[in-house]
Amino acid sequence: MKIFENKIWRNGEKIGWIDGDHIRTELDNRKLGYFENNFIYNELGHKVAYIYENELKFENGGAAISLESINEEIEGAVPLLEKCAVHVLMQD
């Protein structure tokens, strides 16, 4: 994936965008969730993931992901929290 300005791309197709601290879908402009501080929330406002030390951790107990991996997976000159939110909220 790639973030350029506030647009989110996958395989050359625009799939969403960042609206302030919210992640929205391109198709129907639906809010998928938001991020603030070191936390990522779903569309209902439930915390689903967070950054702790050098990892992205999940509230459901899923396997943590290194921030280095997130940074490699998602291109773009945006804060790491935004990349983590895109990773969590824009999964297929």
N, C-alpha and C. Protein backbone atom coordinates (compact mmCIF):
# COMPACT_ATOMS: atom_id res chain seq x y z
N MET A 1 0.84 -1.17 0.00
CA MET A 1 0.00 0.00 0.00
C MET A 1 0.89 1.24 0.00
N LYS A 2 0.26 2.33 -0.34
CA LYS A 2 0.98 3.59 -0.42
C LYS A 2 0.05 4.71 0.02
N ILE A 3 0.60 5.65 0.79
CA ILE A 3 -0.15 6.84 1.18
C ILE A 3 0.55 8.02 0.53
N PHE A 4 -0.19 8.76 -0.28
CA PHE A 4 0.35 9.95 -0.91
C PHE A 4 -0.61 11.08 -0.61
N GLU A 5 -0.07 12.15 0.02
CA GLU A 5 -0.89 13.22 0.56
C GLU A 5 -1.87 12.56 1.52
N ASN A 6 -3.17 12.63 1.29
CA ASN A 6 -4.09 11.97 2.22
C ASN A 6 -4.80 10.79 1.56
N LYS A 7 -4.32 10.36 0.39
CA LYS A 7 -4.97 9.28 -0.35
C LYS A 7 -4.25 7.95 -0.11
N ILE A 8 -5.04 6.88 -0.03
CA ILE A 8 -4.52 5.54 0.22
C ILE A 8 -4.67 4.73 -1.06
N TRP A 9 -3.56 4.15 -1.52
CA TRP A 9 -3.52 3.40 -2.77
C TRP A 9 -3.11 1.96 -2.53
N ARG A 10 -3.68 1.04 -3.31
CA ARG A 10 -3.25 -0.36 -3.31
C ARG A 10 -3.20 -0.81 -4.78
N ASN A 11 -2.04 -1.28 -5.20
CA ASN A 11 -1.87 -1.75 -6.59
C ASN A 11 -2.34 -0.72 -7.61
N GLY A 12 -2.03 0.54 -7.37
CA GLY A 12 -2.37 1.60 -8.31
C GLY A 12 -3.82 2.07 -8.27
N GLU A 13 -4.63 1.52 -7.37
CA GLU A 13 -6.03 1.90 -7.26
C GLU A 13 -6.25 2.64 -5.93
N LYS A 14 -6.94 3.78 -6.01
CA LYS A 14 -7.26 4.54 -4.80
C LYS A 14 -8.35 3.78 -4.04
N ILE A 15 -8.03 3.40 -2.79
CA ILE A 15 -8.98 2.60 -2.01
C ILE A 15 -9.55 3.36 -0.81
N GLY A 16 -8.97 4.51 -0.49
CA GLY A 16 -9.47 5.26 0.65
C GLY A 16 -8.70 6.55 0.82
N TRP A 17 -9.01 7.23 1.90
CA TRP A 17 -8.32 8.48 2.19
C TRP A 17 -8.36 8.76 3.68
N ILE A 18 -7.45 9.65 4.10
CA ILE A 18 -7.34 10.04 5.50
C ILE A 18 -7.98 11.41 5.65
N ASP A 19 -8.98 11.48 6.49
CA ASP A 19 -9.76 12.69 6.72
C ASP A 19 -9.48 13.14 8.16
N GLY A 20 -8.44 13.97 8.33
CA GLY A 20 -8.04 14.35 9.68
C GLY A 20 -7.45 13.14 10.38
N ASP A 21 -8.17 12.62 11.36
CA ASP A 21 -7.71 11.41 12.05
C ASP A 21 -8.61 10.21 11.77
N HIS A 22 -9.43 10.31 10.72
CA HIS A 22 -10.32 9.21 10.32
C HIS A 22 -9.83 8.57 9.03
N ILE A 23 -10.06 7.27 8.92
CA ILE A 23 -9.77 6.53 7.69
C ILE A 23 -11.12 6.28 7.02
N ARG A 24 -11.22 6.66 5.73
CA ARG A 24 -12.47 6.49 4.98
C ARG A 24 -12.23 5.63 3.75
N THR A 25 -13.29 4.94 3.31
CA THR A 25 -13.21 4.15 2.09
C THR A 25 -13.45 5.04 0.89
N GLU A 26 -12.84 4.69 -0.21
CA GLU A 26 -13.06 5.43 -1.46
C GLU A 26 -14.42 5.12 -2.05
N LEU A 27 -14.82 3.87 -1.98
CA LEU A 27 -16.04 3.41 -2.63
C LEU A 27 -17.30 4.13 -2.12
N ASP A 28 -17.48 4.16 -0.81
CA ASP A 28 -18.71 4.74 -0.27
C ASP A 28 -18.47 5.83 0.78
N ASN A 29 -17.22 6.29 0.91
CA ASN A 29 -16.87 7.37 1.83
C ASN A 29 -17.19 7.02 3.29
N ARG A 30 -17.29 5.74 3.59
CA ARG A 30 -17.63 5.28 4.95
C ARG A 30 -16.41 5.40 5.86
N LYS A 31 -16.64 5.85 7.09
CA LYS A 31 -15.57 5.89 8.09
C LYS A 31 -15.33 4.47 8.60
N LEU A 32 -14.08 4.02 8.50
CA LEU A 32 -13.71 2.70 9.01
C LEU A 32 -13.24 2.76 10.44
N GLY A 33 -12.76 3.92 10.86
CA GLY A 33 -12.25 4.10 12.20
C GLY A 33 -11.37 5.32 12.25
N TYR A 34 -10.67 5.47 13.37
CA TYR A 34 -9.82 6.64 13.55
C TYR A 34 -8.64 6.30 14.45
N PHE A 35 -7.72 7.25 14.53
CA PHE A 35 -6.52 7.06 15.33
C PHE A 35 -6.27 8.33 16.13
N GLU A 36 -5.71 8.15 17.34
CA GLU A 36 -5.27 9.28 18.16
C GLU A 36 -4.30 8.77 19.20
N ASN A 37 -3.36 9.64 19.55
CA ASN A 37 -2.27 9.25 20.45
C ASN A 37 -1.61 8.01 19.88
N ASN A 38 -1.54 6.92 20.57
CA ASN A 38 -0.95 5.69 20.03
C ASN A 38 -2.01 4.61 19.83
N PHE A 39 -3.27 5.02 19.69
CA PHE A 39 -4.37 4.06 19.64
C PHE A 39 -5.13 4.12 18.31
N ILE A 40 -5.68 2.98 17.91
CA ILE A 40 -6.48 2.86 16.70
C ILE A 40 -7.85 2.32 17.11
N TYR A 41 -8.90 2.98 16.65
CA TYR A 41 -10.28 2.64 17.02
C TYR A 41 -11.07 2.26 15.77
N ASN A 42 -12.04 1.36 15.92
CA ASN A 42 -12.90 1.02 14.79
C ASN A 42 -14.01 2.06 14.65
N GLU A 43 -14.91 1.85 13.70
CA GLU A 43 -15.97 2.82 13.43
C GLU A 43 -16.92 3.02 14.60
N LEU A 44 -16.98 2.07 15.52
CA LEU A 44 -17.84 2.17 16.69
C LEU A 44 -17.14 2.83 17.88
N GLY A 45 -15.86 3.16 17.71
CA GLY A 45 -15.11 3.79 18.78
C GLY A 45 -14.44 2.82 19.74
N HIS A 46 -14.41 1.54 19.38
CA HIS A 46 -13.75 0.55 20.22
C HIS A 46 -12.26 0.47 19.86
N LYS A 47 -11.40 0.48 20.87
CA LYS A 47 -9.97 0.36 20.62
C LYS A 47 -9.68 -1.03 20.07
N VAL A 48 -8.99 -1.07 18.91
CA VAL A 48 -8.69 -2.35 18.28
C VAL A 48 -7.20 -2.64 18.23
N ALA A 49 -6.37 -1.59 18.30
CA ALA A 49 -4.93 -1.79 18.24
C ALA A 49 -4.22 -0.58 18.85
N TYR A 50 -2.94 -0.77 19.15
CA TYR A 50 -2.17 0.32 19.74
C TYR A 50 -0.68 0.08 19.52
N ILE A 51 0.06 1.16 19.56
CA ILE A 51 1.51 1.07 19.44
C ILE A 51 2.09 1.00 20.84
N TYR A 52 2.92 -0.01 21.07
CA TYR A 52 3.61 -0.16 22.35
C TYR A 52 5.06 -0.50 22.04
N GLU A 53 5.96 0.35 22.50
CA GLU A 53 7.38 0.22 22.23
C GLU A 53 7.58 0.16 20.73
N ASN A 54 8.10 -0.92 20.18
CA ASN A 54 8.38 -1.01 18.74
C ASN A 54 7.43 -1.95 18.02
N GLU A 55 6.21 -2.10 18.55
CA GLU A 55 5.26 -3.04 17.96
C GLU A 55 3.86 -2.46 17.86
N LEU A 56 3.11 -2.98 16.90
CA LEU A 56 1.68 -2.73 16.80
C LEU A 56 1.02 -3.94 17.45
N LYS A 57 0.27 -3.69 18.50
CA LYS A 57 -0.39 -4.77 19.25
C LYS A 57 -1.89 -4.67 19.04
N PHE A 58 -2.57 -5.81 19.16
CA PHE A 58 -4.00 -5.89 18.90
C PHE A 58 -4.77 -6.23 20.17
N GLU A 59 -5.92 -5.60 20.34
CA GLU A 59 -6.76 -5.83 21.51
C GLU A 59 -7.29 -7.25 21.56
N ASN A 60 -7.45 -7.91 20.41
CA ASN A 60 -8.00 -9.26 20.39
C ASN A 60 -6.93 -10.32 20.67
N GLY A 61 -5.72 -9.87 20.97
CA GLY A 61 -4.65 -10.80 21.30
C GLY A 61 -3.92 -11.37 20.10
N GLY A 62 -4.19 -10.84 18.91
CA GLY A 62 -3.49 -11.32 17.72
C GLY A 62 -1.99 -11.05 17.83
N ALA A 63 -1.25 -11.67 16.95
CA ALA A 63 0.21 -11.53 16.97
C ALA A 63 0.62 -10.08 16.70
N ALA A 64 1.52 -9.58 17.52
CA ALA A 64 2.04 -8.23 17.34
C ALA A 64 2.86 -8.16 16.06
N ILE A 65 2.92 -6.96 15.48
CA ILE A 65 3.68 -6.72 14.25
C ILE A 65 4.71 -5.64 14.54
N SER A 66 5.91 -5.84 14.08
CA SER A 66 6.94 -4.83 14.31
C SER A 66 6.62 -3.57 13.52
N LEU A 67 6.93 -2.42 14.10
CA LEU A 67 6.70 -1.16 13.41
C LEU A 67 7.57 -1.06 12.16
N GLU A 68 8.71 -1.71 12.18
CA GLU A 68 9.58 -1.75 11.01
C GLU A 68 8.86 -2.43 9.84
N SER A 69 8.14 -3.50 10.12
CA SER A 69 7.38 -4.21 9.07
C SER A 69 6.28 -3.32 8.50
N ILE A 70 5.58 -2.60 9.37
CA ILE A 70 4.52 -1.69 8.91
C ILE A 70 5.13 -0.62 8.01
N ASN A 71 6.27 -0.08 8.44
CA ASN A 71 6.93 0.97 7.68
C ASN A 71 7.38 0.46 6.31
N GLU A 72 7.77 -0.79 6.21
CA GLU A 72 8.16 -1.38 4.93
C GLU A 72 6.94 -1.69 4.06
N GLU A 73 5.85 -2.10 4.69
CA GLU A 73 4.63 -2.49 3.96
C GLU A 73 3.93 -1.29 3.33
N ILE A 74 3.91 -0.16 4.03
CA ILE A 74 3.16 1.00 3.57
C ILE A 74 4.11 2.14 3.27
N GLU A 75 4.15 2.53 2.00
CA GLU A 75 5.00 3.63 1.58
C GLU A 75 4.32 4.96 1.90
N GLY A 76 5.13 5.98 2.09
CA GLY A 76 4.59 7.32 2.27
C GLY A 76 5.25 8.07 3.39
N ALA A 77 5.27 9.38 3.24
CA ALA A 77 5.89 10.25 4.23
C ALA A 77 4.82 10.76 5.20
N VAL A 78 4.23 9.83 5.96
CA VAL A 78 3.22 10.16 6.96
C VAL A 78 3.64 9.55 8.28
N PRO A 79 3.08 10.03 9.39
CA PRO A 79 3.44 9.46 10.69
C PRO A 79 3.14 7.96 10.77
N LEU A 80 3.94 7.26 11.55
CA LEU A 80 3.80 5.82 11.70
C LEU A 80 2.42 5.41 12.23
N LEU A 81 1.82 6.22 13.09
CA LEU A 81 0.48 5.90 13.60
C LEU A 81 -0.52 5.84 12.46
N GLU A 82 -0.41 6.75 11.49
CA GLU A 82 -1.31 6.73 10.33
C GLU A 82 -1.11 5.46 9.52
N LYS A 83 0.14 5.06 9.32
CA LYS A 83 0.42 3.82 8.59
C LYS A 83 -0.18 2.62 9.33
N CYS A 84 -0.04 2.61 10.65
CA CYS A 84 -0.60 1.51 11.44
C CYS A 84 -2.12 1.49 11.32
N ALA A 85 -2.75 2.64 11.38
CA ALA A 85 -4.21 2.71 11.25
C ALA A 85 -4.66 2.21 9.89
N VAL A 86 -3.95 2.59 8.84
CA VAL A 86 -4.28 2.11 7.50
C VAL A 86 -4.11 0.60 7.44
N HIS A 87 -3.03 0.09 8.00
CA HIS A 87 -2.80 -1.37 8.02
C HIS A 87 -3.96 -2.08 8.70
N VAL A 88 -4.38 -1.60 9.85
CA VAL A 88 -5.43 -2.25 10.63
C VAL A 88 -6.79 -2.09 9.97
N LEU A 89 -7.14 -0.89 9.56
CA LEU A 89 -8.50 -0.61 9.12
C LEU A 89 -8.77 -0.90 7.64
N MET A 90 -7.72 -0.96 6.82
CA MET A 90 -7.93 -1.18 5.39
C MET A 90 -7.61 -2.61 4.97
N GLN A 91 -7.54 -3.55 5.90
CA GLN A 91 -7.28 -4.94 5.56
C GLN A 91 -8.44 -5.49 4.74
N ASP A 92 -8.13 -6.39 3.83
CA ASP A 92 -9.17 -7.02 2.98
C ASP A 92 -10.10 -7.87 3.82
